[in-house]
Amino acid sequence: MNNQTLLKLSTGELTKAQAYKALYSQPKIQRSRKAHFVKIRIVIPEERGVTRFLAFLFLFPIPLFFAKILLRKMNNTETMEIPISKEDLLRMISVKGIKLDVNIQSGEKIYIKTL
């Protein structure tokens, strides 16, 4: 590819600017947008009062720096059930648009979304 570009430049098919762009073009990297808030919803099927209290408690999105502080204070334990390290989890919640639905066998549901 580089030789072909240089040959085209020498024959006059390409200008200097076009040859430079062809030789030194950087691949476009799609950067992910950073999240600033976390929205949490917890549903406990047989406990309507507790579900309403948790809905009121998490009515507004939580600023992400609070969640990051809590995650940093956690122990860094990787188990077979949860193979995600603390650092990977911190990187994951820092990206905007992540949606996580957790369905527990006993019926509880947890929805987490980064905004």
PDB file of N, CA and C in Angstrom:
ATOM      1  N   MET A   1       0.832  -1.186   0.000  1.00  0.00           N
ATOM      2  CA  MET A   1       0.000   0.000   0.000  1.00  0.00           C
ATOM      3  C   MET A   1       0.875   1.248   0.000  1.00  0.00           C
ATOM      4  N   ASN A   2       1.923   1.269   0.834  1.00  0.00           N
ATOM      5  CA  ASN A   2       2.793   2.440   0.894  1.00  0.00           C
ATOM      6  C   ASN A   2       3.518   2.652  -0.433  1.00  0.00           C
ATOM      7  N   ASN A   3       3.976   1.548  -1.048  1.00  0.00           N
ATOM      8  CA  ASN A   3       4.669   1.667  -2.333  1.00  0.00           C
ATOM      9  C   ASN A   3       3.727   2.170  -3.416  1.00  0.00           C
ATOM     10  N   GLN A   4       2.504   1.688  -3.412  1.00  0.00           N
ATOM     11  CA  GLN A   4       1.539   2.128  -4.416  1.00  0.00           C
ATOM     12  C   GLN A   4       1.237   3.616  -4.261  1.00  0.00           C
ATOM     13  N   THR A   5       1.128   4.062  -3.035  1.00  0.00           N
ATOM     14  CA  THR A   5       0.865   5.476  -2.785  1.00  0.00           C
ATOM     15  C   THR A   5       2.034   6.326  -3.260  1.00  0.00           C
ATOM     16  N   LEU A   6       3.246   5.882  -2.999  1.00  0.00           N
ATOM     17  CA  LEU A   6       4.429   6.637  -3.434  1.00  0.00           C
ATOM     18  C   LEU A   6       4.556   6.639  -4.950  1.00  0.00           C
ATOM     19  N   LEU A   7       4.213   5.535  -5.591  1.00  0.00           N
ATOM     20  CA  LEU A   7       4.233   5.499  -7.055  1.00  0.00           C
ATOM     21  C   LEU A   7       3.210   6.460  -7.653  1.00  0.00           C
ATOM     22  N   LYS A   8       2.014   6.489  -7.065  1.00  0.00           N
ATOM     23  CA  LYS A   8       0.989   7.418  -7.545  1.00  0.00           C
ATOM     24  C   LYS A   8       1.415   8.864  -7.346  1.00  0.00           C
ATOM     25  N   LEU A   9       2.116   9.119  -6.252  1.00  0.00           N
ATOM     26  CA  LEU A   9       2.627  10.470  -6.002  1.00  0.00           C
ATOM     27  C   LEU A   9       3.679  10.852  -7.029  1.00  0.00           C
ATOM     28  N   SER A  10       4.564   9.923  -7.367  1.00  0.00           N
ATOM     29  CA  SER A  10       5.620  10.222  -8.331  1.00  0.00           C
ATOM     30  C   SER A  10       5.073  10.408  -9.748  1.00  0.00           C
ATOM     31  N   THR A  11       3.975   9.719 -10.082  1.00  0.00           N
ATOM     32  CA  THR A  11       3.384   9.892 -11.408  1.00  0.00           C
ATOM     33  C   THR A  11       2.436  11.077 -11.464  1.00  0.00           C
ATOM     34  N   GLY A  12       2.123  11.671 -10.357  1.00  0.00           N
ATOM     35  CA  GLY A  12       1.271  12.848 -10.335  1.00  0.00           C
ATOM     36  C   GLY A  12      -0.203  12.550 -10.168  1.00  0.00           C
ATOM     37  N   GLU A  13      -0.561  11.309  -9.873  1.00  0.00           N
ATOM     38  CA  GLU A  13      -1.965  10.956  -9.685  1.00  0.00           C
ATOM     39  C   GLU A  13      -2.501  11.477  -8.347  1.00  0.00           C
ATOM     40  N   LEU A  14      -1.621  11.602  -7.370  1.00  0.00           N
ATOM     41  CA  LEU A  14      -1.994  12.111  -6.052  1.00  0.00           C
ATOM     42  C   LEU A  14      -1.233  13.388  -5.754  1.00  0.00           C
ATOM     43  N   THR A  15      -1.860  14.273  -4.978  1.00  0.00           N
ATOM     44  CA  THR A  15      -1.149  15.456  -4.502  1.00  0.00           C
ATOM     45  C   THR A  15      -0.381  15.076  -3.242  1.00  0.00           C
ATOM     46  N   LYS A  16       0.435  16.009  -2.790  1.00  0.00           N
ATOM     47  CA  LYS A  16       1.217  15.745  -1.579  1.00  0.00           C
ATOM     48  C   LYS A  16       0.305  15.532  -0.373  1.00  0.00           C
ATOM     49  N   ALA A  17      -0.743  16.337  -0.276  1.00  0.00           N
ATOM     50  CA  ALA A  17      -1.663  16.229   0.868  1.00  0.00           C
ATOM     51  C   ALA A  17      -2.404  14.891   0.846  1.00  0.00           C
ATOM     52  N   GLN A  18      -2.845  14.454  -0.329  1.00  0.00           N
ATOM     53  CA  GLN A  18      -3.561  13.180  -0.428  1.00  0.00           C
ATOM     54  C   GLN A  18      -2.641  12.009  -0.098  1.00  0.00           C
ATOM     55  N   ALA A  19      -1.398  12.083  -0.560  1.00  0.00           N
ATOM     56  CA  ALA A  19      -0.438  11.018  -0.259  1.00  0.00           C
ATOM     57  C   ALA A  19      -0.128  10.977   1.233  1.00  0.00           C
ATOM     58  N   TYR A  20       0.000  12.141   1.860  1.00  0.00           N
ATOM     59  CA  TYR A  20       0.267  12.199   3.291  1.00  0.00           C
ATOM     60  C   TYR A  20      -0.882  11.566   4.071  1.00  0.00           C
ATOM     61  N   LYS A  21      -2.122  11.896   3.681  1.00  0.00           N
ATOM     62  CA  LYS A  21      -3.286  11.316   4.366  1.00  0.00           C
ATOM     63  C   LYS A  21      -3.351   9.807   4.164  1.00  0.00           C
ATOM     64  N   ALA A  22      -2.987   9.343   2.977  1.00  0.00           N
ATOM     65  CA  ALA A  22      -3.022   7.901   2.709  1.00  0.00           C
ATOM     66  C   ALA A  22      -1.941   7.166   3.501  1.00  0.00           C
ATOM     67  N   LEU A  23      -0.784   7.791   3.661  1.00  0.00           N
ATOM     68  CA  LEU A  23       0.320   7.131   4.367  1.00  0.00           C
ATOM     69  C   LEU A  23       0.183   7.196   5.887  1.00  0.00           C
ATOM     70  N   TYR A  24      -0.291   8.317   6.380  1.00  0.00           N
ATOM     71  CA  TYR A  24      -0.284   8.533   7.825  1.00  0.00           C
ATOM     72  C   TYR A  24      -1.672   8.714   8.416  1.00  0.00           C
ATOM     73  N   SER A  25      -2.673   8.128   7.813  1.00  0.00           N
ATOM     74  CA  SER A  25      -4.013   8.274   8.365  1.00  0.00           C
ATOM     75  C   SER A  25      -4.131   7.438   9.644  1.00  0.00           C
ATOM     76  N   GLN A  26      -4.713   8.046  10.647  1.00  0.00           N
ATOM     77  CA  GLN A  26      -4.931   7.369  11.924  1.00  0.00           C
ATOM     78  C   GLN A  26      -6.304   6.714  11.891  1.00  0.00           C
ATOM     79  N   PRO A  27      -6.421   5.474  12.329  1.00  0.00           N
ATOM     80  CA  PRO A  27      -7.755   4.871  12.387  1.00  0.00           C
ATOM     81  C   PRO A  27      -8.605   5.624  13.412  1.00  0.00           C
ATOM     82  N   LYS A  28      -9.847   5.865  13.052  1.00  0.00           N
ATOM     83  CA  LYS A  28     -10.734   6.587  13.959  1.00  0.00           C
ATOM     84  C   LYS A  28     -11.126   5.674  15.109  1.00  0.00           C
ATOM     85  N   ILE A  29     -10.901   6.145  16.288  1.00  0.00           N
ATOM     86  CA  ILE A  29     -11.238   5.398  17.489  1.00  0.00           C
ATOM     87  C   ILE A  29     -12.527   5.978  18.041  1.00  0.00           C
ATOM     88  N   GLN A  30     -13.506   5.133  18.207  1.00  0.00           N
ATOM     89  CA  GLN A  30     -14.760   5.588  18.764  1.00  0.00           C
ATOM     90  C   GLN A  30     -14.612   5.643  20.275  1.00  0.00           C
ATOM     91  N   ARG A  31     -14.666   6.841  20.795  1.00  0.00           N
ATOM     92  CA  ARG A  31     -14.513   7.012  22.231  1.00  0.00           C
ATOM     93  C   ARG A  31     -15.876   6.918  22.900  1.00  0.00           C
ATOM     94  N   SER A  32     -15.901   6.214  23.979  1.00  0.00           N
ATOM     95  CA  SER A  32     -17.157   6.075  24.704  1.00  0.00           C
ATOM     96  C   SER A  32     -17.359   7.296  25.593  1.00  0.00           C
ATOM     97  N   ARG A  33     -18.609   7.664  25.737  1.00  0.00           N
ATOM     98  CA  ARG A  33     -18.937   8.810  26.564  1.00  0.00           C
ATOM     99  C   ARG A  33     -18.937   8.392  28.022  1.00  0.00           C
ATOM    100  N   LYS A  34     -18.518   9.295  28.878  1.00  0.00           N
ATOM    101  CA  LYS A  34     -18.458   8.994  30.300  1.00  0.00           C
ATOM    102  C   LYS A  34     -19.823   9.169  30.946  1.00  0.00           C
ATOM    103  N   ALA A  35     -20.102   8.293  31.868  1.00  0.00           N
ATOM    104  CA  ALA A  35     -21.347   8.377  32.629  1.00  0.00           C
ATOM    105  C   ALA A  35     -21.137   9.281  33.836  1.00  0.00           C
ATOM    106  N   HIS A  36     -22.218   9.915  34.270  1.00  0.00           N
ATOM    107  CA  HIS A  36     -22.142  10.796  35.436  1.00  0.00           C
ATOM    108  C   HIS A  36     -23.110  10.374  36.543  1.00  0.00           C
ATOM    109  N   PHE A  37     -24.118   9.581  36.173  1.00  0.00           N
ATOM    110  CA  PHE A  37     -25.118   9.170  37.153  1.00  0.00           C
ATOM    111  C   PHE A  37     -25.442   7.695  36.989  1.00  0.00           C
ATOM    112  N   VAL A  38     -25.971   7.101  38.075  1.00  0.00           N
ATOM    113  CA  VAL A  38     -26.418   5.707  38.072  1.00  0.00           C
ATOM    114  C   VAL A  38     -27.863   5.699  38.553  1.00  0.00           C
ATOM    115  N   LYS A  39     -28.738   5.061  37.773  1.00  0.00           N
ATOM    116  CA  LYS A  39     -30.142   4.919  38.150  1.00  0.00           C
ATOM    117  C   LYS A  39     -30.361   3.475  38.587  1.00  0.00           C
ATOM    118  N   ILE A  40     -30.896   3.284  39.779  1.00  0.00           N
ATOM    119  CA  ILE A  40     -31.093   1.951  40.349  1.00  0.00           C
ATOM    120  C   ILE A  40     -32.578   1.749  40.653  1.00  0.00           C
ATOM    121  N   ARG A  41     -33.073   0.546  40.343  1.00  0.00           N
ATOM    122  CA  ARG A  41     -34.445   0.170  40.670  1.00  0.00           C
ATOM    123  C   ARG A  41     -34.415  -1.258  41.197  1.00  0.00           C
ATOM    124  N   ILE A  42     -35.001  -1.466  42.376  1.00  0.00           N
ATOM    125  CA  ILE A  42     -35.014  -2.778  43.012  1.00  0.00           C
ATOM    126  C   ILE A  42     -36.469  -3.184  43.247  1.00  0.00           C
ATOM    127  N   VAL A  43     -36.823  -4.385  42.781  1.00  0.00           N
ATOM    128  CA  VAL A  43     -38.192  -4.887  42.925  1.00  0.00           C
ATOM    129  C   VAL A  43     -38.149  -6.177  43.737  1.00  0.00           C
ATOM    130  N   ILE A  44     -38.904  -6.189  44.835  1.00  0.00           N
ATOM    131  CA  ILE A  44     -39.060  -7.383  45.659  1.00  0.00           C
ATOM    132  C   ILE A  44     -40.527  -7.786  45.532  1.00  0.00           C
ATOM    133  N   PRO A  45     -40.821  -8.926  44.908  1.00  0.00           N
ATOM    134  CA  PRO A  45     -42.194  -9.237  44.507  1.00  0.00           C
ATOM    135  C   PRO A  45     -43.220  -9.314  45.631  1.00  0.00           C
ATOM    136  N   GLU A  46     -42.911  -9.897  46.758  1.00  0.00           N
ATOM    137  CA  GLU A  46     -43.922 -10.101  47.803  1.00  0.00           C
ATOM    138  C   GLU A  46     -43.880  -9.036  48.890  1.00  0.00           C
ATOM    139  N   GLU A  47     -43.006  -8.066  48.773  1.00  0.00           N
ATOM    140  CA  GLU A  47     -42.879  -7.000  49.768  1.00  0.00           C
ATOM    141  C   GLU A  47     -43.142  -5.656  49.104  1.00  0.00           C
ATOM    142  N   ARG A  48     -44.418  -5.291  48.978  1.00  0.00           N
ATOM    143  CA  ARG A  48     -44.765  -4.050  48.285  1.00  0.00           C
ATOM    144  C   ARG A  48     -44.277  -2.819  49.039  1.00  0.00           C
ATOM    145  N   GLY A  49     -44.321  -2.860  50.362  1.00  0.00           N
ATOM    146  CA  GLY A  49     -43.880  -1.713  51.162  1.00  0.00           C
ATOM    147  C   GLY A  49     -42.380  -1.465  51.011  1.00  0.00           C
ATOM    148  N   VAL A  50     -41.612  -2.535  51.045  1.00  0.00           N
ATOM    149  CA  VAL A  50     -40.158  -2.407  50.895  1.00  0.00           C
ATOM    150  C   VAL A  50     -39.810  -1.947  49.483  1.00  0.00           C
ATOM    151  N   THR A  51     -40.527  -2.454  48.481  1.00  0.00           N
ATOM    152  CA  THR A  51     -40.287  -2.052  47.098  1.00  0.00           C
ATOM    153  C   THR A  51     -40.591  -0.569  46.916  1.00  0.00           C
ATOM    154  N   ARG A  52     -41.682  -0.097  47.514  1.00  0.00           N
ATOM    155  CA  ARG A  52     -42.009   1.336  47.422  1.00  0.00           C
ATOM    156  C   ARG A  52     -40.981   2.193  48.150  1.00  0.00           C
ATOM    157  N   PHE A  53     -40.514   1.728  49.308  1.00  0.00           N
ATOM    158  CA  PHE A  53     -39.482   2.479  50.033  1.00  0.00           C
ATOM    159  C   PHE A  53     -38.200   2.568  49.202  1.00  0.00           C
ATOM    160  N   LEU A  54     -37.806   1.450  48.589  1.00  0.00           N
ATOM    161  CA  LEU A  54     -36.601   1.475  47.757  1.00  0.00           C
ATOM    162  C   LEU A  54     -36.803   2.331  46.508  1.00  0.00           C
ATOM    163  N   ALA A  55     -38.018   2.341  45.947  1.00  0.00           N
ATOM    164  CA  ALA A  55     -38.306   3.203  44.803  1.00  0.00           C
ATOM    165  C   ALA A  55     -38.200   4.668  45.205  1.00  0.00           C
ATOM    166  N   PHE A  56     -38.681   5.008  46.410  1.00  0.00           N
ATOM    167  CA  PHE A  56     -38.558   6.383  46.892  1.00  0.00           C
ATOM    168  C   PHE A  56     -37.102   6.735  47.191  1.00  0.00           C
ATOM    169  N   LEU A  57     -36.371   5.786  47.762  1.00  0.00           N
ATOM    170  CA  LEU A  57     -34.974   6.009  48.110  1.00  0.00           C
ATOM    171  C   LEU A  57     -34.111   6.247  46.870  1.00  0.00           C
ATOM    172  N   PHE A  58     -34.380   5.497  45.801  1.00  0.00           N
ATOM    173  CA  PHE A  58     -33.617   5.632  44.558  1.00  0.00           C
ATOM    174  C   PHE A  58     -34.426   6.360  43.485  1.00  0.00           C
ATOM    175  N   LEU A  59     -35.267   7.306  43.902  1.00  0.00           N
ATOM    176  CA  LEU A  59     -36.109   8.045  42.970  1.00  0.00           C
ATOM    177  C   LEU A  59     -35.272   8.822  41.956  1.00  0.00           C
ATOM    178  N   PHE A  60     -34.250   9.482  42.422  1.00  0.00           N
ATOM    179  CA  PHE A  60     -33.384  10.268  41.548  1.00  0.00           C
ATOM    180  C   PHE A  60     -32.097   9.498  41.263  1.00  0.00           C
ATOM    181  N   PRO A  61     -31.488   9.749  40.114  1.00  0.00           N
ATOM    182  CA  PRO A  61     -30.204   9.092  39.827  1.00  0.00           C
ATOM    183  C   PRO A  61     -29.129   9.492  40.843  1.00  0.00           C
ATOM    184  N   ILE A  62     -28.255   8.565  41.140  1.00  0.00           N
ATOM    185  CA  ILE A  62     -27.183   8.785  42.111  1.00  0.00           C
ATOM    186  C   ILE A  62     -25.940   9.246  41.358  1.00  0.00           C
ATOM    187  N   PRO A  63     -25.273  10.310  41.832  1.00  0.00           N
ATOM    188  CA  PRO A  63     -24.023  10.710  41.176  1.00  0.00           C
ATOM    189  C   PRO A  63     -23.014   9.561  41.214  1.00  0.00           C
ATOM    190  N   LEU A  64     -22.301   9.395  40.132  1.00  0.00           N
ATOM    191  CA  LEU A  64     -21.425   8.250  39.968  1.00  0.00           C
ATOM    192  C   LEU A  64     -20.254   8.255  40.945  1.00  0.00           C
ATOM    193  N   PHE A  65     -19.813   9.431  41.381  1.00  0.00           N
ATOM    194  CA  PHE A  65     -18.660   9.436  42.284  1.00  0.00           C
ATOM    195  C   PHE A  65     -18.991   8.799  43.623  1.00  0.00           C
ATOM    196  N   PHE A  66     -20.262   8.824  44.060  1.00  0.00           N
ATOM    197  CA  PHE A  66     -20.640   8.113  45.293  1.00  0.00           C
ATOM    198  C   PHE A  66     -20.495   6.608  45.095  1.00  0.00           C
ATOM    199  N   ALA A  67     -20.958   6.121  43.955  1.00  0.00           N
ATOM    200  CA  ALA A  67     -20.861   4.692  43.665  1.00  0.00           C
ATOM    201  C   ALA A  67     -19.399   4.268  43.549  1.00  0.00           C
ATOM    202  N   LYS A  68     -18.563   5.110  42.952  1.00  0.00           N
ATOM    203  CA  LYS A  68     -17.147   4.769  42.816  1.00  0.00           C
ATOM    204  C   LYS A  68     -16.454   4.730  44.175  1.00  0.00           C
ATOM    205  N   ILE A  69     -16.826   5.635  45.065  1.00  0.00           N
ATOM    206  CA  ILE A  69     -16.240   5.630  46.410  1.00  0.00           C
ATOM    207  C   ILE A  69     -16.600   4.334  47.127  1.00  0.00           C
ATOM    208  N   LEU A  70     -17.862   3.915  47.018  1.00  0.00           N
ATOM    209  CA  LEU A  70     -18.283   2.670  47.667  1.00  0.00           C
ATOM    210  C   LEU A  70     -17.583   1.461  47.054  1.00  0.00           C
ATOM    211  N   LEU A  71     -17.423   1.451  45.742  1.00  0.00           N
ATOM    212  CA  LEU A  71     -16.746   0.321  45.098  1.00  0.00           C
ATOM    213  C   LEU A  71     -15.271   0.253  45.470  1.00  0.00           C
ATOM    214  N   ARG A  72     -14.631   1.387  45.629  1.00  0.00           N
ATOM    215  CA  ARG A  72     -13.211   1.387  46.003  1.00  0.00           C
ATOM    216  C   ARG A  72     -12.999   0.858  47.410  1.00  0.00           C
ATOM    217  N   LYS A  73     -13.988   1.030  48.281  1.00  0.00           N
ATOM    218  CA  LYS A  73     -13.861   0.554  49.655  1.00  0.00           C
ATOM    219  C   LYS A  73     -14.144  -0.941  49.790  1.00  0.00           C
ATOM    220  N   MET A  74     -14.720  -1.545  48.739  1.00  0.00           N
ATOM    221  CA  MET A  74     -15.008  -2.981  48.773  1.00  0.00           C
ATOM    222  C   MET A  74     -13.725  -3.798  48.702  1.00  0.00           C
ATOM    223  N   ASN A  75     -13.805  -5.029  49.188  1.00  0.00           N
ATOM    224  CA  ASN A  75     -12.689  -5.955  49.040  1.00  0.00           C
ATOM    225  C   ASN A  75     -12.599  -6.399  47.593  1.00  0.00           C
ATOM    226  N   ASN A  76     -11.395  -6.651  47.118  1.00  0.00           N
ATOM    227  CA  ASN A  76     -11.197  -7.097  45.737  1.00  0.00           C
ATOM    228  C   ASN A  76     -11.242  -8.619  45.703  1.00  0.00           C
ATOM    229  N   THR A  77     -12.438  -9.146  45.712  1.00  0.00           N
ATOM    230  CA  THR A  77     -12.596 -10.600  45.710  1.00  0.00           C
ATOM    231  C   THR A  77     -13.242 -11.044  44.419  1.00  0.00           C
ATOM    232  N   GLU A  78     -12.537 -11.890  43.678  1.00  0.00           N
ATOM    233  CA  GLU A  78     -13.099 -12.509  42.481  1.00  0.00           C
ATOM    234  C   GLU A  78     -13.467 -13.938  42.838  1.00  0.00           C
ATOM    235  N   THR A  79     -14.698 -14.315  42.553  1.00  0.00           N
ATOM    236  CA  THR A  79     -15.129 -15.679  42.817  1.00  0.00           C
ATOM    237  C   THR A  79     -15.543 -16.328  41.508  1.00  0.00           C
ATOM    238  N   MET A  80     -15.871 -17.576  41.565  1.00  0.00           N
ATOM    239  CA  MET A  80     -16.318 -18.276  40.368  1.00  0.00           C
ATOM    240  C   MET A  80     -17.692 -17.771  39.928  1.00  0.00           C
ATOM    241  N   GLU A  81     -18.537 -17.361  40.893  1.00  0.00           N
ATOM    242  CA  GLU A  81     -19.861 -16.863  40.540  1.00  0.00           C
ATOM    243  C   GLU A  81     -19.784 -15.473  39.919  1.00  0.00           C
ATOM    244  N   ILE A  82     -18.863 -14.647  40.412  1.00  0.00           N
ATOM    245  CA  ILE A  82     -18.710 -13.280  39.917  1.00  0.00           C
ATOM    246  C   ILE A  82     -17.261 -13.112  39.454  1.00  0.00           C
ATOM    247  N   PRO A  83     -16.987 -13.344  38.172  1.00  0.00           N
ATOM    248  CA  PRO A  83     -15.596 -13.294  37.706  1.00  0.00           C
ATOM    249  C   PRO A  83     -15.123 -11.895  37.298  1.00  0.00           C
ATOM    250  N   ILE A  84     -15.708 -10.847  37.868  1.00  0.00           N
ATOM    251  CA  ILE A  84     -15.332  -9.472  37.510  1.00  0.00           C
ATOM    252  C   ILE A  84     -14.539  -8.876  38.657  1.00  0.00           C
ATOM    253  N   SER A  85     -13.379  -8.321  38.345  1.00  0.00           N
ATOM    254  CA  SER A  85     -12.579  -7.679  39.385  1.00  0.00           C
ATOM    255  C   SER A  85     -13.131  -6.284  39.667  1.00  0.00           C
ATOM    256  N   LYS A  86     -12.684  -5.711  40.758  1.00  0.00           N
ATOM    257  CA  LYS A  86     -13.149  -4.393  41.159  1.00  0.00           C
ATOM    258  C   LYS A  86     -12.762  -3.333  40.127  1.00  0.00           C
ATOM    259  N   GLU A  87     -11.562  -3.429  39.569  1.00  0.00           N
ATOM    260  CA  GLU A  87     -11.098  -2.464  38.573  1.00  0.00           C
ATOM    261  C   GLU A  87     -11.933  -2.544  37.296  1.00  0.00           C
ATOM    262  N   ASP A  88     -12.273  -3.773  36.876  1.00  0.00           N
ATOM    263  CA  ASP A  88     -13.114  -3.938  35.695  1.00  0.00           C
ATOM    264  C   ASP A  88     -14.511  -3.367  35.931  1.00  0.00           C
ATOM    265  N   LEU A  89     -15.029  -3.557  37.119  1.00  0.00           N
ATOM    266  CA  LEU A  89     -16.343  -3.029  37.449  1.00  0.00           C
ATOM    267  C   LEU A  89     -16.336  -1.504  37.452  1.00  0.00           C
ATOM    268  N   LEU A  90     -15.277  -0.904  37.986  1.00  0.00           N
ATOM    269  CA  LEU A  90     -15.163   0.557  37.979  1.00  0.00           C
ATOM    270  C   LEU A  90     -15.110   1.099  36.551  1.00  0.00           C
ATOM    271  N   ARG A  91     -14.363   0.417  35.671  1.00  0.00           N
ATOM    272  CA  ARG A  91     -14.301   0.850  34.274  1.00  0.00           C
ATOM    273  C   ARG A  91     -15.644   0.669  33.580  1.00  0.00           C
ATOM    274  N   MET A  92     -16.349  -0.395  33.926  1.00  0.00           N
ATOM    275  CA  MET A  92     -17.613  -0.694  33.272  1.00  0.00           C
ATOM    276  C   MET A  92     -18.682   0.341  33.627  1.00  0.00           C
ATOM    277  N   ILE A  93     -18.772   0.742  34.890  1.00  0.00           N
ATOM    278  CA  ILE A  93     -19.815   1.696  35.256  1.00  0.00           C
ATOM    279  C   ILE A  93     -19.459   3.119  34.862  1.00  0.00           C
ATOM    280  N   SER A  94     -18.255   3.357  34.405  1.00  0.00           N
ATOM    281  CA  SER A  94     -17.867   4.693  33.968  1.00  0.00           C
ATOM    282  C   SER A  94     -18.340   5.010  32.556  1.00  0.00           C
ATOM    283  N   VAL A  95     -18.865   4.029  31.836  1.00  0.00           N
ATOM    284  CA  VAL A  95     -19.303   4.219  30.458  1.00  0.00           C
ATOM    285  C   VAL A  95     -20.800   4.484  30.431  1.00  0.00           C
ATOM    286  N   LYS A  96     -21.196   5.463  29.643  1.00  0.00           N
ATOM    287  CA  LYS A  96     -22.598   5.843  29.538  1.00  0.00           C
ATOM    288  C   LYS A  96     -23.382   4.810  28.726  1.00  0.00           C
ATOM    289  N   GLY A  97     -24.588   4.508  29.165  1.00  0.00           N
ATOM    290  CA  GLY A  97     -25.475   3.631  28.415  1.00  0.00           C
ATOM    291  C   GLY A  97     -25.431   2.166  28.806  1.00  0.00           C
ATOM    292  N   ILE A  98     -24.774   1.829  29.904  1.00  0.00           N
ATOM    293  CA  ILE A  98     -24.723   0.440  30.353  1.00  0.00           C
ATOM    294  C   ILE A  98     -26.033   0.117  31.081  1.00  0.00           C
ATOM    295  N   LYS A  99     -26.659  -0.973  30.699  1.00  0.00           N
ATOM    296  CA  LYS A  99     -27.881  -1.431  31.357  1.00  0.00           C
ATOM    297  C   LYS A  99     -27.631  -2.824  31.911  1.00  0.00           C
ATOM    298  N   LEU A 100     -27.990  -3.025  33.163  1.00  0.00           N
ATOM    299  CA  LEU A 100     -27.753  -4.294  33.824  1.00  0.00           C
ATOM    300  C   LEU A 100     -29.052  -4.734  34.498  1.00  0.00           C
ATOM    301  N   ASP A 101     -29.538  -5.903  34.129  1.00  0.00           N
ATOM    302  CA  ASP A 101     -30.727  -6.487  34.748  1.00  0.00           C
ATOM    303  C   ASP A 101     -30.290  -7.733  35.493  1.00  0.00           C
ATOM    304  N   VAL A 102     -30.558  -7.766  36.794  1.00  0.00           N
ATOM    305  CA  VAL A 102     -30.199  -8.913  37.621  1.00  0.00           C
ATOM    306  C   VAL A 102     -31.487  -9.564  38.098  1.00  0.00           C
ATOM    307  N   ASN A 103     -31.683 -10.809  37.722  1.00  0.00           N
ATOM    308  CA  ASN A 103     -32.842 -11.577  38.165  1.00  0.00           C
ATOM    309  C   ASN A 103     -32.353 -12.678  39.088  1.00  0.00           C
ATOM    310  N   ILE A 104     -32.799 -12.631  40.315  1.00  0.00           N
ATOM    311  CA  ILE A 104     -32.380 -13.596  41.316  1.00  0.00           C
ATOM    312  C   ILE A 104     -33.402 -14.728  41.348  1.00  0.00           C
ATOM    313  N   GLN A 105     -32.956 -15.943  41.652  1.00  0.00           N
ATOM    314  CA  GLN A 105     -33.839 -17.112  41.629  1.00  0.00           C
ATOM    315  C   GLN A 105     -35.017 -16.977  42.587  1.00  0.00           C
ATOM    316  N   SER A 106     -34.844 -16.245  43.669  1.00  0.00           N
ATOM    317  CA  SER A 106     -35.945 -16.102  44.626  1.00  0.00           C
ATOM    318  C   SER A 106     -36.961 -15.049  44.184  1.00  0.00           C
ATOM    319  N   GLY A 107     -36.740 -14.375  43.025  1.00  0.00           N
ATOM    320  CA  GLY A 107     -37.760 -13.488  42.471  1.00  0.00           C
ATOM    321  C   GLY A 107     -37.417 -12.018  42.481  1.00  0.00           C
ATOM    322  N   GLU A 108     -36.413 -11.607  43.234  1.00  0.00           N
ATOM    323  CA  GLU A 108     -36.054 -10.199  43.274  1.00  0.00           C
ATOM    324  C   GLU A 108     -35.427  -9.774  41.949  1.00  0.00           C
ATOM    325  N   LYS A 109     -35.633  -8.511  41.587  1.00  0.00           N
ATOM    326  CA  LYS A 109     -35.061  -7.970  40.348  1.00  0.00           C
ATOM    327  C   LYS A 109     -34.369  -6.661  40.663  1.00  0.00           C
ATOM    328  N   ILE A 110     -33.207  -6.476  40.047  1.00  0.00           N
ATOM    329  CA  ILE A 110     -32.440  -5.249  40.221  1.00  0.00           C
ATOM    330  C   ILE A 110     -32.113  -4.722  38.832  1.00  0.00           C
ATOM    331  N   TYR A 111     -32.421  -3.448  38.599  1.00  0.00           N
ATOM    332  CA  TYR A 111     -32.128  -2.795  37.334  1.00  0.00           C
ATOM    333  C   TYR A 111     -31.140  -1.657  37.607  1.00  0.00           C
ATOM    334  N   ILE A 112     -30.051  -1.635  36.866  1.00  0.00           N
ATOM    335  CA  ILE A 112     -29.036  -0.595  37.012  1.00  0.00           C
ATOM    336  C   ILE A 112     -28.771  -0.015  35.624  1.00  0.00           C
ATOM    337  N   LYS A 113     -28.743   1.301  35.532  1.00  0.00           N
ATOM    338  CA  LYS A 113     -28.494   1.970  34.258  1.00  0.00           C
ATOM    339  C   LYS A 113     -27.588   3.169  34.500  1.00  0.00           C
ATOM    340  N   THR A 114     -26.574   3.332  33.646  1.00  0.00           N
ATOM    341  CA  THR A 114     -25.694   4.484  33.788  1.00  0.00           C
ATOM    342  C   THR A 114     -26.154   5.572  32.835  1.00  0.00           C
ATOM    343  N   LEU A 115     -26.166   6.792  33.327  1.00  0.00           N
ATOM    344  CA  LEU A 115     -26.594   7.949  32.547  1.00  0.00           C
ATOM    345  C   LEU A 115     -25.458   8.933  32.366  1.00  0.00           C
TER     346      LEU A 115
END
